[in-house]
Amino acid sequence: LRCELYSTCYSKHGGGRADVPAVRLAKAKASASISQVLKRIANDTKNMKQIGRQLAKVAHANPGVTFDRLLYHAESYENFISPVVQSLAFMTPLALDVLSFMIIDHLNNPSKKKGDKAHDGFDAQWFKNLAMFCGVFYRANPGVEMQGLLHYVVRRLNEGSSQELLILKELLSRVGGCDYVEDINAEQLQGLAGGDHLKKEILPTEKPSKRAISKLRDALLNPRTGLPLLVLIAQQRQVILFHKSTDNLKMTGKSFDICQVVLVQFIEFLSRQHETYVTILPSFAKLCTQLHLEPQIALLAARPLLRAAFDAPTNGSNGAAKEGSAMEVDGAADGADGPLALSS
């Protein structure tokens, strides 16, 4: 299965749901077994190795039923997310691949509403918990297929939905290490104007593993994923302000703030690899004219490359070298192909 596309693997995972008596009996037995294990996860967090082995034993034969119950509990209880992810340590790669499929299946469930009417249409609690579970899960298991989830976010953004930005925000924060702090003091604000080392001192956060960062970078620095996400996130600013059918100004403002935060996180993460970032970013003119981005957003996306071009070490004249580096950056960006953008 590693040699096949995620769409082929996911179609096989979803094909094992035949409604026959033998399958229903097996699901009932697995559901009863997983209920006992879930009680131990909630009550016995100190013995997670033994619980993880029992959970892997149940999931080996019935991964769909097992992960469906696990995700249901993770959606219902936020404090259940970390113990569930810890209990997945003994799962096989195939079982974890099934779990990645089940995450998208839960997100795409039409019977679940992602907006909470009781709280003026804000994100429902189950959706927030599931987005947090995505970040914690992929941080602990970076080798699991991630393209399926990213392409799901691309499709939903292309349909005009901005709620899936929360999933990308959790991935960038927990897996990519681009954490965002809402409430900061004056000293921390001054520290954020410095380099990476000063930011780490000012805002000490638990850094994810290099493997997790590398896997997320490889998934996002893909021309079929990185550039479409960048353009669609930037276009969501206009969608939220002018194309949303809602009169709730508070919800509109919060959605706009989340969109802006995710956009800054996304550009910061992609621009850490200037050599690859320059290959997927179109020119400034193409971003504004063909992809319909605001000039300030296009400049925000190109600013890391401009800074890298002018800060590059030179052997000859500084002015000539800087001009040559800038022309090289612009020429490489002109060769990238853009995605099908949302109509303005």
C-alpha atoms as a PDB file:
ATOM      1  CA  LEU A   1       0.000   0.000   0.000  1.00  0.00           C
ATOM      2  CA  ARG A   2       2.944   2.373   0.473  1.00  0.00           C
ATOM      3  CA  CYS A   3       3.549   2.379  -3.287  1.00  0.00           C
ATOM      4  CA  GLU A   4      -0.033   3.347  -4.127  1.00  0.00           C
ATOM      5  CA  LEU A   5      -1.743   6.723  -4.039  1.00  0.00           C
ATOM      6  CA  TYR A   6      -3.699   7.641  -0.943  1.00  0.00           C
ATOM      7  CA  SER A   7      -6.929   7.715  -2.981  1.00  0.00           C
ATOM      8  CA  THR A   8      -6.456   4.059  -3.926  1.00  0.00           C
ATOM      9  CA  CYS A   9      -5.742   3.071  -0.328  1.00  0.00           C
ATOM     10  CA  TYR A  10      -8.698   5.049   1.001  1.00  0.00           C
ATOM     11  CA  SER A  11     -11.062   3.455  -1.516  1.00  0.00           C
ATOM     12  CA  LYS A  12      -9.970   0.044  -0.231  1.00  0.00           C
ATOM     13  CA  HIS A  13     -10.457   1.120   3.383  1.00  0.00           C
ATOM     14  CA  GLY A  14     -13.952   2.384   2.629  1.00  0.00           C
ATOM     15  CA  GLY A  15     -14.900  -0.723   0.661  1.00  0.00           C
ATOM     16  CA  GLY A  16     -14.927  -3.021   3.678  1.00  0.00           C
ATOM     17  CA  ARG A  17     -18.307  -1.884   5.011  1.00  0.00           C
ATOM     18  CA  ALA A  18     -20.554  -4.607   3.658  1.00  0.00           C
ATOM     19  CA  ASP A  19     -23.817  -4.852   5.627  1.00  0.00           C
ATOM     20  CA  VAL A  20     -24.052  -8.626   6.043  1.00  0.00           C
ATOM     21  CA  PRO A  21     -24.832 -10.629   9.220  1.00  0.00           C
ATOM     22  CA  ALA A  22     -21.264 -11.893   9.668  1.00  0.00           C
ATOM     23  CA  VAL A  23     -19.839  -8.385   9.431  1.00  0.00           C
ATOM     24  CA  ARG A  24     -22.435  -6.990  11.833  1.00  0.00           C
ATOM     25  CA  LEU A  25     -21.603  -9.719  14.357  1.00  0.00           C
ATOM     26  CA  ALA A  26     -17.884  -8.985  14.108  1.00  0.00           C
ATOM     27  CA  LYS A  27     -18.542  -5.265  14.566  1.00  0.00           C
ATOM     28  CA  ALA A  28     -20.676  -5.914  17.645  1.00  0.00           C
ATOM     29  CA  LYS A  29     -17.950  -8.055  19.239  1.00  0.00           C
ATOM     30  CA  ALA A  30     -15.289  -5.470  18.440  1.00  0.00           C
ATOM     31  CA  SER A  31     -17.482  -2.690  19.825  1.00  0.00           C
ATOM     32  CA  ALA A  32     -17.900  -4.559  23.120  1.00  0.00           C
ATOM     33  CA  SER A  33     -14.141  -5.155  23.367  1.00  0.00           C
ATOM     34  CA  ILE A  34     -13.223  -1.579  22.568  1.00  0.00           C
ATOM     35  CA  SER A  35     -15.651  -0.304  25.218  1.00  0.00           C
ATOM     36  CA  GLN A  36     -13.697  -2.108  27.920  1.00  0.00           C
ATOM     37  CA  VAL A  37     -10.405  -0.735  26.615  1.00  0.00           C
ATOM     38  CA  LEU A  38     -11.768   2.807  26.456  1.00  0.00           C
ATOM     39  CA  LYS A  39     -12.762   2.631  30.109  1.00  0.00           C
ATOM     40  CA  ARG A  40      -9.190   1.701  31.003  1.00  0.00           C
ATOM     41  CA  ILE A  41      -7.778   4.543  28.897  1.00  0.00           C
ATOM     42  CA  ALA A  42      -9.853   7.035  30.853  1.00  0.00           C
ATOM     43  CA  ASN A  43      -9.136   5.539  34.292  1.00  0.00           C
ATOM     44  CA  ASP A  44      -5.652   3.996  34.026  1.00  0.00           C
ATOM     45  CA  THR A  45      -3.381   6.491  32.274  1.00  0.00           C
ATOM     46  CA  LYS A  46      -0.245   5.138  34.016  1.00  0.00           C
ATOM     47  CA  ASN A  47      -0.379   1.746  32.292  1.00  0.00           C
ATOM     48  CA  MET A  48      -0.639   2.924  28.707  1.00  0.00           C
ATOM     49  CA  LYS A  49       1.687   0.262  27.251  1.00  0.00           C
ATOM     50  CA  GLN A  50      -0.579  -2.603  28.248  1.00  0.00           C
ATOM     51  CA  ILE A  51      -3.660  -0.676  27.150  1.00  0.00           C
ATOM     52  CA  GLY A  52      -1.995   0.114  23.819  1.00  0.00           C
ATOM     53  CA  ARG A  53      -1.285  -3.588  23.200  1.00  0.00           C
ATOM     54  CA  GLN A  54      -4.902  -4.508  23.946  1.00  0.00           C
ATOM     55  CA  LEU A  55      -6.145  -1.747  21.672  1.00  0.00           C
ATOM     56  CA  ALA A  56      -3.827  -2.864  18.867  1.00  0.00           C
ATOM     57  CA  LYS A  57      -5.095  -6.424  19.229  1.00  0.00           C
ATOM     58  CA  VAL A  58      -8.701  -5.312  18.787  1.00  0.00           C
ATOM     59  CA  ALA A  59      -7.883  -2.906  15.942  1.00  0.00           C
ATOM     60  CA  HIS A  60      -5.864  -5.499  14.014  1.00  0.00           C
ATOM     61  CA  ALA A  61      -9.014  -7.349  12.911  1.00  0.00           C
ATOM     62  CA  ASN A  62     -11.552  -4.507  13.119  1.00  0.00           C
ATOM     63  CA  PRO A  63      -9.808  -1.162  12.564  1.00  0.00           C
ATOM     64  CA  GLY A  64     -12.889   0.636  11.252  1.00  0.00           C
ATOM     65  CA  VAL A  65     -15.038  -0.025  14.320  1.00  0.00           C
ATOM     66  CA  THR A  66     -12.150   0.593  16.700  1.00  0.00           C
ATOM     67  CA  PHE A  67     -11.113   3.950  15.290  1.00  0.00           C
ATOM     68  CA  ASP A  68     -14.707   5.069  14.850  1.00  0.00           C
ATOM     69  CA  ARG A  69     -15.220   4.670  18.611  1.00  0.00           C
ATOM     70  CA  LEU A  70     -11.867   6.291  19.409  1.00  0.00           C
ATOM     71  CA  LEU A  71     -12.640   9.343  17.271  1.00  0.00           C
ATOM     72  CA  TYR A  72     -16.115   9.617  18.754  1.00  0.00           C
ATOM     73  CA  HIS A  73     -14.641   9.783  22.268  1.00  0.00           C
ATOM     74  CA  ALA A  74     -11.931  12.227  21.164  1.00  0.00           C
ATOM     75  CA  GLU A  75     -14.614  14.482  19.665  1.00  0.00           C
ATOM     76  CA  SER A  76     -16.640  14.374  22.854  1.00  0.00           C
ATOM     77  CA  TYR A  77     -13.880  14.904  25.449  1.00  0.00           C
ATOM     78  CA  GLU A  78     -10.878  17.163  24.892  1.00  0.00           C
ATOM     79  CA  ASN A  79      -8.873  15.626  27.748  1.00  0.00           C
ATOM     80  CA  PHE A  80      -9.270  12.232  26.076  1.00  0.00           C
ATOM     81  CA  ILE A  81      -7.175  13.205  23.030  1.00  0.00           C
ATOM     82  CA  SER A  82      -3.689  12.825  24.511  1.00  0.00           C
ATOM     83  CA  PRO A  83      -4.306   9.389  26.134  1.00  0.00           C
ATOM     84  CA  VAL A  84      -5.846   8.103  22.884  1.00  0.00           C
ATOM     85  CA  VAL A  85      -2.814   9.177  20.843  1.00  0.00           C
ATOM     86  CA  GLN A  86      -0.472   7.600  23.400  1.00  0.00           C
ATOM     87  CA  SER A  87      -2.383   4.326  23.161  1.00  0.00           C
ATOM     88  CA  LEU A  88      -1.713   4.151  19.405  1.00  0.00           C
ATOM     89  CA  ALA A  89       1.991   3.412  19.912  1.00  0.00           C
ATOM     90  CA  PHE A  90       1.612  -0.306  19.113  1.00  0.00           C
ATOM     91  CA  MET A  91      -0.549   0.100  16.013  1.00  0.00           C
ATOM     92  CA  THR A  92       0.694  -1.228  12.684  1.00  0.00           C
ATOM     93  CA  PRO A  93       1.327   1.234   9.803  1.00  0.00           C
ATOM     94  CA  LEU A  94      -1.715  -0.184   8.018  1.00  0.00           C
ATOM     95  CA  ALA A  95      -3.931   0.463  11.048  1.00  0.00           C
ATOM     96  CA  LEU A  96      -2.683   4.052  11.313  1.00  0.00           C
ATOM     97  CA  ASP A  97      -3.398   4.517   7.611  1.00  0.00           C
ATOM     98  CA  VAL A  98      -6.968   3.374   8.249  1.00  0.00           C
ATOM     99  CA  LEU A  99      -7.181   5.921  11.082  1.00  0.00           C
ATOM    100  CA  SER A 100      -6.126   8.709   8.692  1.00  0.00           C
ATOM    101  CA  PHE A 101      -8.983   7.634   6.426  1.00  0.00           C
ATOM    102  CA  MET A 102     -11.441   7.565   9.347  1.00  0.00           C
ATOM    103  CA  ILE A 103     -10.479  11.141  10.295  1.00  0.00           C
ATOM    104  CA  ILE A 104     -11.507  12.395   6.852  1.00  0.00           C
ATOM    105  CA  ASP A 105     -14.639  10.241   7.015  1.00  0.00           C
ATOM    106  CA  HIS A 106     -15.662  11.911  10.288  1.00  0.00           C
ATOM    107  CA  LEU A 107     -14.887  15.380   8.928  1.00  0.00           C
ATOM    108  CA  ASN A 108     -16.935  14.689   5.799  1.00  0.00           C
ATOM    109  CA  ASN A 109     -19.936  13.297   7.679  1.00  0.00           C
ATOM    110  CA  PRO A 110     -22.978  15.276   6.448  1.00  0.00           C
ATOM    111  CA  SER A 111     -24.981  14.462   9.584  1.00  0.00           C
ATOM    112  CA  LYS A 112     -22.577  16.491  11.753  1.00  0.00           C
ATOM    113  CA  LYS A 113     -22.813  20.260  11.716  1.00  0.00           C
ATOM    114  CA  LYS A 114     -19.496  22.079  12.077  1.00  0.00           C
ATOM    115  CA  GLY A 115     -21.255  25.244  13.224  1.00  0.00           C
ATOM    116  CA  ASP A 116     -22.815  25.442  16.667  1.00  0.00           C
ATOM    117  CA  LYS A 117     -26.197  27.184  16.512  1.00  0.00           C
ATOM    118  CA  ALA A 118     -26.296  27.449  20.297  1.00  0.00           C
ATOM    119  CA  HIS A 119     -23.201  29.687  20.138  1.00  0.00           C
ATOM    120  CA  ASP A 120     -24.138  31.931  17.204  1.00  0.00           C
ATOM    121  CA  GLY A 121     -22.718  29.656  14.538  1.00  0.00           C
ATOM    122  CA  PHE A 122     -19.196  29.306  15.938  1.00  0.00           C
ATOM    123  CA  ASP A 123     -17.251  26.090  15.407  1.00  0.00           C
ATOM    124  CA  ALA A 124     -18.860  23.145  17.146  1.00  0.00           C
ATOM    125  CA  GLN A 125     -16.945  21.598  20.026  1.00  0.00           C
ATOM    126  CA  TRP A 126     -16.638  18.204  18.308  1.00  0.00           C
ATOM    127  CA  PHE A 127     -14.999  19.866  15.309  1.00  0.00           C
ATOM    128  CA  LYS A 128     -12.523  21.775  17.489  1.00  0.00           C
ATOM    129  CA  ASN A 129     -11.588  18.586  19.325  1.00  0.00           C
ATOM    130  CA  LEU A 130     -11.175  16.635  16.085  1.00  0.00           C
ATOM    131  CA  ALA A 131      -8.956  19.376  14.625  1.00  0.00           C
ATOM    132  CA  MET A 132      -6.836  19.243  17.784  1.00  0.00           C
ATOM    133  CA  PHE A 133      -6.691  15.450  17.489  1.00  0.00           C
ATOM    134  CA  CYS A 134      -5.338  15.824  13.926  1.00  0.00           C
ATOM    135  CA  GLY A 135      -2.482  17.994  15.173  1.00  0.00           C
ATOM    136  CA  VAL A 136      -1.593  15.732  18.108  1.00  0.00           C
ATOM    137  CA  PHE A 137      -1.913  12.551  16.030  1.00  0.00           C
ATOM    138  CA  TYR A 138       0.276  13.666  13.116  1.00  0.00           C
ATOM    139  CA  ARG A 139       2.837  15.097  15.508  1.00  0.00           C
ATOM    140  CA  ALA A 140       3.201  11.728  17.247  1.00  0.00           C
ATOM    141  CA  ASN A 141       2.962   9.735  13.987  1.00  0.00           C
ATOM    142  CA  PRO A 142       4.617  11.805  11.234  1.00  0.00           C
ATOM    143  CA  GLY A 143       4.954   8.810   8.912  1.00  0.00           C
ATOM    144  CA  VAL A 144       1.190   8.512   8.395  1.00  0.00           C
ATOM    145  CA  GLU A 145      -0.292   9.670   5.084  1.00  0.00           C
ATOM    146  CA  MET A 146      -1.094  13.394   5.264  1.00  0.00           C
ATOM    147  CA  GLN A 147      -1.883  14.295   1.646  1.00  0.00           C
ATOM    148  CA  GLY A 148      -5.461  13.049   1.946  1.00  0.00           C
ATOM    149  CA  LEU A 149      -6.240  15.437   4.809  1.00  0.00           C
ATOM    150  CA  LEU A 150      -4.525  18.379   3.082  1.00  0.00           C
ATOM    151  CA  HIS A 151      -6.376  17.748  -0.179  1.00  0.00           C
ATOM    152  CA  TYR A 152      -9.634  17.598   1.785  1.00  0.00           C
ATOM    153  CA  VAL A 153      -8.852  21.043   3.231  1.00  0.00           C
ATOM    154  CA  VAL A 154      -8.038  22.329  -0.288  1.00  0.00           C
ATOM    155  CA  ARG A 155     -11.355  21.039  -1.620  1.00  0.00           C
ATOM    156  CA  ARG A 156     -13.366  22.580   1.212  1.00  0.00           C
ATOM    157  CA  LEU A 157     -11.611  25.935   0.840  1.00  0.00           C
ATOM    158  CA  ASN A 158     -12.269  25.835  -2.886  1.00  0.00           C
ATOM    159  CA  GLU A 159     -15.960  25.357  -2.059  1.00  0.00           C
ATOM    160  CA  GLY A 160     -15.913  28.532   0.041  1.00  0.00           C
ATOM    161  CA  SER A 161     -15.826  26.962   3.514  1.00  0.00           C
ATOM    162  CA  SER A 162     -13.448  28.600   5.991  1.00  0.00           C
ATOM    163  CA  GLN A 163     -14.006  26.330   9.000  1.00  0.00           C
ATOM    164  CA  GLU A 164     -11.397  23.827   7.804  1.00  0.00           C
ATOM    165  CA  LEU A 165      -8.722  26.482   8.381  1.00  0.00           C
ATOM    166  CA  LEU A 166      -8.790  25.333  11.995  1.00  0.00           C
ATOM    167  CA  ILE A 167      -7.380  21.944  10.905  1.00  0.00           C
ATOM    168  CA  LEU A 168      -4.509  23.614   9.066  1.00  0.00           C
ATOM    169  CA  LYS A 169      -3.879  25.882  12.055  1.00  0.00           C
ATOM    170  CA  GLU A 170      -3.496  22.870  14.354  1.00  0.00           C
ATOM    171  CA  LEU A 171      -1.149  21.111  11.909  1.00  0.00           C
ATOM    172  CA  LEU A 172       1.073  24.173  11.549  1.00  0.00           C
ATOM    173  CA  SER A 173       1.132  24.782  15.306  1.00  0.00           C
ATOM    174  CA  ARG A 174       1.650  21.242  16.603  1.00  0.00           C
ATOM    175  CA  VAL A 175       3.444  19.522  13.720  1.00  0.00           C
ATOM    176  CA  GLY A 176       5.226  22.447  12.065  1.00  0.00           C
ATOM    177  CA  GLY A 177       6.239  24.312  15.213  1.00  0.00           C
ATOM    178  CA  CYS A 178       4.673  27.611  14.046  1.00  0.00           C
ATOM    179  CA  ASP A 179       2.818  28.261  17.257  1.00  0.00           C
ATOM    180  CA  TYR A 180       0.673  31.350  17.701  1.00  0.00           C
ATOM    181  CA  VAL A 181       0.071  33.106  21.013  1.00  0.00           C
ATOM    182  CA  GLU A 182      -2.896  35.443  21.220  1.00  0.00           C
ATOM    183  CA  ASP A 183      -2.158  37.239  24.495  1.00  0.00           C
ATOM    184  CA  ILE A 184       1.418  38.555  24.701  1.00  0.00           C
ATOM    185  CA  ASN A 185       3.019  41.372  26.686  1.00  0.00           C
ATOM    186  CA  ALA A 186       5.130  44.247  25.413  1.00  0.00           C
ATOM    187  CA  GLU A 187       8.481  42.454  25.915  1.00  0.00           C
ATOM    188  CA  GLN A 188       7.301  39.404  23.972  1.00  0.00           C
ATOM    189  CA  LEU A 189       6.023  41.652  21.192  1.00  0.00           C
ATOM    190  CA  GLN A 190       9.467  43.266  20.871  1.00  0.00           C
ATOM    191  CA  GLY A 191      11.109  39.840  20.885  1.00  0.00           C
ATOM    192  CA  LEU A 192       8.989  38.691  17.969  1.00  0.00           C
ATOM    193  CA  ALA A 193      10.657  41.367  15.844  1.00  0.00           C
ATOM    194  CA  GLY A 194      13.981  39.522  16.170  1.00  0.00           C
ATOM    195  CA  GLY A 195      15.326  36.308  14.706  1.00  0.00           C
ATOM    196  CA  ASP A 196      14.440  32.681  15.327  1.00  0.00           C
ATOM    197  CA  HIS A 197      16.682  32.299  18.394  1.00  0.00           C
ATOM    198  CA  LEU A 198      15.163  35.332  20.104  1.00  0.00           C
ATOM    199  CA  LYS A 199      11.653  34.099  19.332  1.00  0.00           C
ATOM    200  CA  LYS A 200      12.445  30.764  20.981  1.00  0.00           C
ATOM    201  CA  GLU A 201      13.658  32.565  24.114  1.00  0.00           C
ATOM    202  CA  ILE A 202      10.693  34.896  24.259  1.00  0.00           C
ATOM    203  CA  LEU A 203       8.022  32.282  23.497  1.00  0.00           C
ATOM    204  CA  PRO A 204       9.351  28.940  24.775  1.00  0.00           C
ATOM    205  CA  THR A 205       7.265  26.151  23.276  1.00  0.00           C
ATOM    206  CA  GLU A 206       7.767  22.421  22.929  1.00  0.00           C
ATOM    207  CA  LYS A 207       9.351  21.945  19.517  1.00  0.00           C
ATOM    208  CA  PRO A 208       8.153  18.946  17.465  1.00  0.00           C
ATOM    209  CA  SER A 209      10.592  16.383  16.129  1.00  0.00           C
ATOM    210  CA  LYS A 210      12.639  17.098  13.024  1.00  0.00           C
ATOM    211  CA  ARG A 211      10.970  14.171  11.298  1.00  0.00           C
ATOM    212  CA  ALA A 212       7.485  15.612  11.899  1.00  0.00           C
ATOM    213  CA  ILE A 213       8.562  19.019  10.563  1.00  0.00           C
ATOM    214  CA  SER A 214      10.197  17.401   7.542  1.00  0.00           C
ATOM    215  CA  LYS A 215       7.122  15.313   6.694  1.00  0.00           C
ATOM    216  CA  LEU A 216       4.790  18.309   6.918  1.00  0.00           C
ATOM    217  CA  ARG A 217       7.201  20.403   4.852  1.00  0.00           C
ATOM    218  CA  ASP A 218       7.367  17.740   2.144  1.00  0.00           C
ATOM    219  CA  ALA A 219       3.564  17.548   2.074  1.00  0.00           C
ATOM    220  CA  LEU A 220       3.078  21.311   1.854  1.00  0.00           C
ATOM    221  CA  LEU A 221       5.964  22.152  -0.475  1.00  0.00           C
ATOM    222  CA  ASN A 222       4.209  20.232  -3.211  1.00  0.00           C
ATOM    223  CA  PRO A 223       3.001  22.287  -6.194  1.00  0.00           C
ATOM    224  CA  ARG A 224      -0.377  20.500  -5.996  1.00  0.00           C
ATOM    225  CA  THR A 225      -0.767  21.328  -2.300  1.00  0.00           C
ATOM    226  CA  GLY A 226       1.335  24.308  -1.221  1.00  0.00           C
ATOM    227  CA  LEU A 227       0.380  26.897  -3.845  1.00  0.00           C
ATOM    228  CA  PRO A 228      -3.359  26.020  -3.917  1.00  0.00           C
ATOM    229  CA  LEU A 229      -3.500  26.299  -0.123  1.00  0.00           C
ATOM    230  CA  LEU A 230      -1.640  29.613  -0.135  1.00  0.00           C
ATOM    231  CA  VAL A 231      -3.942  31.135  -2.765  1.00  0.00           C
ATOM    232  CA  LEU A 232      -7.155  29.779  -1.258  1.00  0.00           C
ATOM    233  CA  ILE A 233      -6.267  30.905   2.277  1.00  0.00           C
ATOM    234  CA  ALA A 234      -5.513  34.400   0.966  1.00  0.00           C
ATOM    235  CA  GLN A 235      -8.759  34.470  -1.009  1.00  0.00           C
ATOM    236  CA  GLN A 236     -10.732  33.398   2.061  1.00  0.00           C
ATOM    237  CA  ARG A 237     -10.202  36.883   3.469  1.00  0.00           C
ATOM    238  CA  GLN A 238     -12.471  38.294   0.774  1.00  0.00           C
ATOM    239  CA  VAL A 239     -14.863  35.344   0.955  1.00  0.00           C
ATOM    240  CA  ILE A 240     -15.361  35.821   4.698  1.00  0.00           C
ATOM    241  CA  LEU A 241     -15.952  39.567   4.389  1.00  0.00           C
ATOM    242  CA  PHE A 242     -18.110  39.769   1.272  1.00  0.00           C
ATOM    243  CA  HIS A 243     -19.491  36.348   0.361  1.00  0.00           C
ATOM    244  CA  LYS A 244     -20.657  34.892   3.685  1.00  0.00           C
ATOM    245  CA  SER A 245     -24.412  34.962   4.258  1.00  0.00           C
ATOM    246  CA  THR A 246     -24.333  35.910   7.934  1.00  0.00           C
ATOM    247  CA  ASP A 247     -25.168  39.011   9.940  1.00  0.00           C
ATOM    248  CA  ASN A 248     -23.106  37.998  12.971  1.00  0.00           C
ATOM    249  CA  LEU A 249     -20.232  40.492  12.983  1.00  0.00           C
ATOM    250  CA  LYS A 250     -18.528  38.741  15.891  1.00  0.00           C
ATOM    251  CA  MET A 251     -18.353  35.439  14.023  1.00  0.00           C
ATOM    252  CA  THR A 252     -17.172  37.204  10.855  1.00  0.00           C
ATOM    253  CA  GLY A 253     -14.414  38.962  12.765  1.00  0.00           C
ATOM    254  CA  LYS A 254     -13.255  35.776  14.449  1.00  0.00           C
ATOM    255  CA  SER A 255     -13.208  33.873  11.152  1.00  0.00           C
ATOM    256  CA  PHE A 256     -11.199  36.677   9.545  1.00  0.00           C
ATOM    257  CA  ASP A 257      -8.692  36.651  12.429  1.00  0.00           C
ATOM    258  CA  ILE A 258      -8.223  32.873  12.155  1.00  0.00           C
ATOM    259  CA  CYS A 259      -7.725  33.208   8.402  1.00  0.00           C
ATOM    260  CA  GLN A 260      -5.062  35.884   8.884  1.00  0.00           C
ATOM    261  CA  VAL A 261      -3.274  33.831  11.558  1.00  0.00           C
ATOM    262  CA  VAL A 262      -3.229  30.714   9.371  1.00  0.00           C
ATOM    263  CA  LEU A 263      -1.961  32.744   6.401  1.00  0.00           C
ATOM    264  CA  VAL A 264       0.968  34.128   8.423  1.00  0.00           C
ATOM    265  CA  GLN A 265       1.745  30.684   9.883  1.00  0.00           C
ATOM    266  CA  PHE A 266       1.600  29.070   6.450  1.00  0.00           C
ATOM    267  CA  ILE A 267       3.939  31.578   4.798  1.00  0.00           C
ATOM    268  CA  GLU A 268       6.351  31.438   7.742  1.00  0.00           C
ATOM    269  CA  PHE A 269       6.520  27.638   7.585  1.00  0.00           C
ATOM    270  CA  LEU A 270       6.929  27.410   3.811  1.00  0.00           C
ATOM    271  CA  SER A 271       9.548  30.161   3.655  1.00  0.00           C
ATOM    272  CA  ARG A 272      11.917  28.248   5.942  1.00  0.00           C
ATOM    273  CA  GLN A 273      13.049  26.367   2.829  1.00  0.00           C
ATOM    274  CA  HIS A 274      13.761  29.206   0.400  1.00  0.00           C
ATOM    275  CA  GLU A 275      15.104  26.923  -2.336  1.00  0.00           C
ATOM    276  CA  THR A 276      11.838  24.961  -2.569  1.00  0.00           C
ATOM    277  CA  TYR A 277       9.508  27.840  -1.737  1.00  0.00           C
ATOM    278  CA  VAL A 278      10.773  29.842  -4.710  1.00  0.00           C
ATOM    279  CA  THR A 279       9.841  27.009  -7.083  1.00  0.00           C
ATOM    280  CA  ILE A 280       6.147  26.997  -6.140  1.00  0.00           C
ATOM    281  CA  LEU A 281       5.514  30.733  -5.710  1.00  0.00           C
ATOM    282  CA  PRO A 282       4.441  32.585  -8.881  1.00  0.00           C
ATOM    283  CA  SER A 283       5.578  36.088  -9.682  1.00  0.00           C
ATOM    284  CA  PHE A 284       4.093  39.121  -7.958  1.00  0.00           C
ATOM    285  CA  ALA A 285       2.195  40.121 -11.105  1.00  0.00           C
ATOM    286  CA  LYS A 286       0.666  36.668 -11.526  1.00  0.00           C
ATOM    287  CA  LEU A 287      -0.446  36.561  -7.890  1.00  0.00           C
ATOM    288  CA  CYS A 288      -2.285  39.870  -8.283  1.00  0.00           C
ATOM    289  CA  THR A 289      -3.699  39.629 -11.813  1.00  0.00           C
ATOM    290  CA  GLN A 290      -4.364  35.941 -12.475  1.00  0.00           C
ATOM    291  CA  LEU A 291      -4.883  34.625  -8.944  1.00  0.00           C
ATOM    292  CA  HIS A 292      -6.732  37.756  -7.726  1.00  0.00           C
ATOM    293  CA  LEU A 293      -4.769  38.306  -4.516  1.00  0.00           C
ATOM    294  CA  GLU A 294      -4.557  41.670  -2.828  1.00  0.00           C
ATOM    295  CA  PRO A 295      -1.201  43.412  -3.418  1.00  0.00           C
ATOM    296  CA  GLN A 296      -0.359  43.472   0.284  1.00  0.00           C
ATOM    297  CA  ILE A 297      -0.966  39.714   0.542  1.00  0.00           C
ATOM    298  CA  ALA A 298       1.144  39.000  -2.528  1.00  0.00           C
ATOM    299  CA  LEU A 299       3.950  41.091  -1.031  1.00  0.00           C
ATOM    300  CA  LEU A 300       3.572  39.230   2.279  1.00  0.00           C
ATOM    301  CA  ALA A 301       4.058  35.928   0.448  1.00  0.00           C
ATOM    302  CA  ALA A 302       7.088  37.205  -1.494  1.00  0.00           C
ATOM    303  CA  ARG A 303       8.781  39.079   1.356  1.00  0.00           C
ATOM    304  CA  PRO A 304      10.735  36.059   2.741  1.00  0.00           C
ATOM    305  CA  LEU A 305      12.263  35.448  -0.694  1.00  0.00           C
ATOM    306  CA  LEU A 306      13.171  39.114  -1.117  1.00  0.00           C
ATOM    307  CA  ARG A 307      14.794  39.141   2.321  1.00  0.00           C
ATOM    308  CA  ALA A 308      16.730  35.964   1.523  1.00  0.00           C
ATOM    309  CA  ALA A 309      17.871  37.368  -1.819  1.00  0.00           C
ATOM    310  CA  PHE A 310      19.232  40.565  -0.302  1.00  0.00           C
ATOM    311  CA  ASP A 311      20.800  38.793   2.692  1.00  0.00           C
ATOM    312  CA  ALA A 312      22.573  36.182   0.542  1.00  0.00           C
ATOM    313  CA  PRO A 313      26.401  36.145   0.943  1.00  0.00           C
ATOM    314  CA  THR A 314      28.204  37.856  -1.911  1.00  0.00           C
ATOM    315  CA  ASN A 315      31.738  37.594  -3.293  1.00  0.00           C
ATOM    316  CA  GLY A 316      31.784  40.626  -5.547  1.00  0.00           C
ATOM    317  CA  SER A 317      29.969  43.884  -5.487  1.00  0.00           C
ATOM    318  CA  ASN A 318      27.060  43.901  -3.062  1.00  0.00           C
ATOM    319  CA  GLY A 319      24.771  45.853  -5.350  1.00  0.00           C
ATOM    320  CA  ALA A 320      25.331  43.660  -8.388  1.00  0.00           C
ATOM    321  CA  ALA A 321      25.012  40.448  -6.393  1.00  0.00           C
ATOM    322  CA  LYS A 322      21.801  41.547  -4.728  1.00  0.00           C
ATOM    323  CA  GLU A 323      20.300  42.573  -8.039  1.00  0.00           C
ATOM    324  CA  GLY A 324      21.278  39.225  -9.556  1.00  0.00           C
ATOM    325  CA  SER A 325      19.779  37.281  -6.646  1.00  0.00           C
ATOM    326  CA  ALA A 326      16.522  39.211  -6.895  1.00  0.00           C
ATOM    327  CA  MET A 327      16.319  38.582 -10.633  1.00  0.00           C
ATOM    328  CA  GLU A 328      16.973  34.873 -10.048  1.00  0.00           C
ATOM    329  CA  VAL A 329      14.185  34.680  -7.474  1.00  0.00           C
ATOM    330  CA  ASP A 330      11.727  36.452  -9.746  1.00  0.00           C
ATOM    331  CA  GLY A 331      12.677  34.309 -12.737  1.00  0.00           C
ATOM    332  CA  ALA A 332      12.215  31.058 -10.826  1.00  0.00           C
ATOM    333  CA  ALA A 333       8.866  32.258  -9.518  1.00  0.00           C
ATOM    334  CA  ASP A 334       7.654  33.100 -13.017  1.00  0.00           C
ATOM    335  CA  GLY A 335       8.004  29.462 -14.014  1.00  0.00           C
ATOM    336  CA  ALA A 336       5.557  28.103 -11.443  1.00  0.00           C
ATOM    337  CA  ASP A 337       2.050  27.190 -12.472  1.00  0.00           C
ATOM    338  CA  GLY A 338      -0.876  28.427 -10.398  1.00  0.00           C
ATOM    339  CA  PRO A 339      -3.973  26.474  -9.357  1.00  0.00           C
ATOM    340  CA  LEU A 340      -7.544  27.063 -10.407  1.00  0.00           C
ATOM    341  CA  ALA A 341      -8.417  29.970  -8.123  1.00  0.00           C
ATOM    342  CA  LEU A 342     -11.807  30.843  -6.737  1.00  0.00           C
ATOM    343  CA  SER A 343     -13.744  33.193  -8.949  1.00  0.00           C
ATOM    344  CA  SER A 344     -13.853  36.728  -7.710  1.00  0.00           C
END
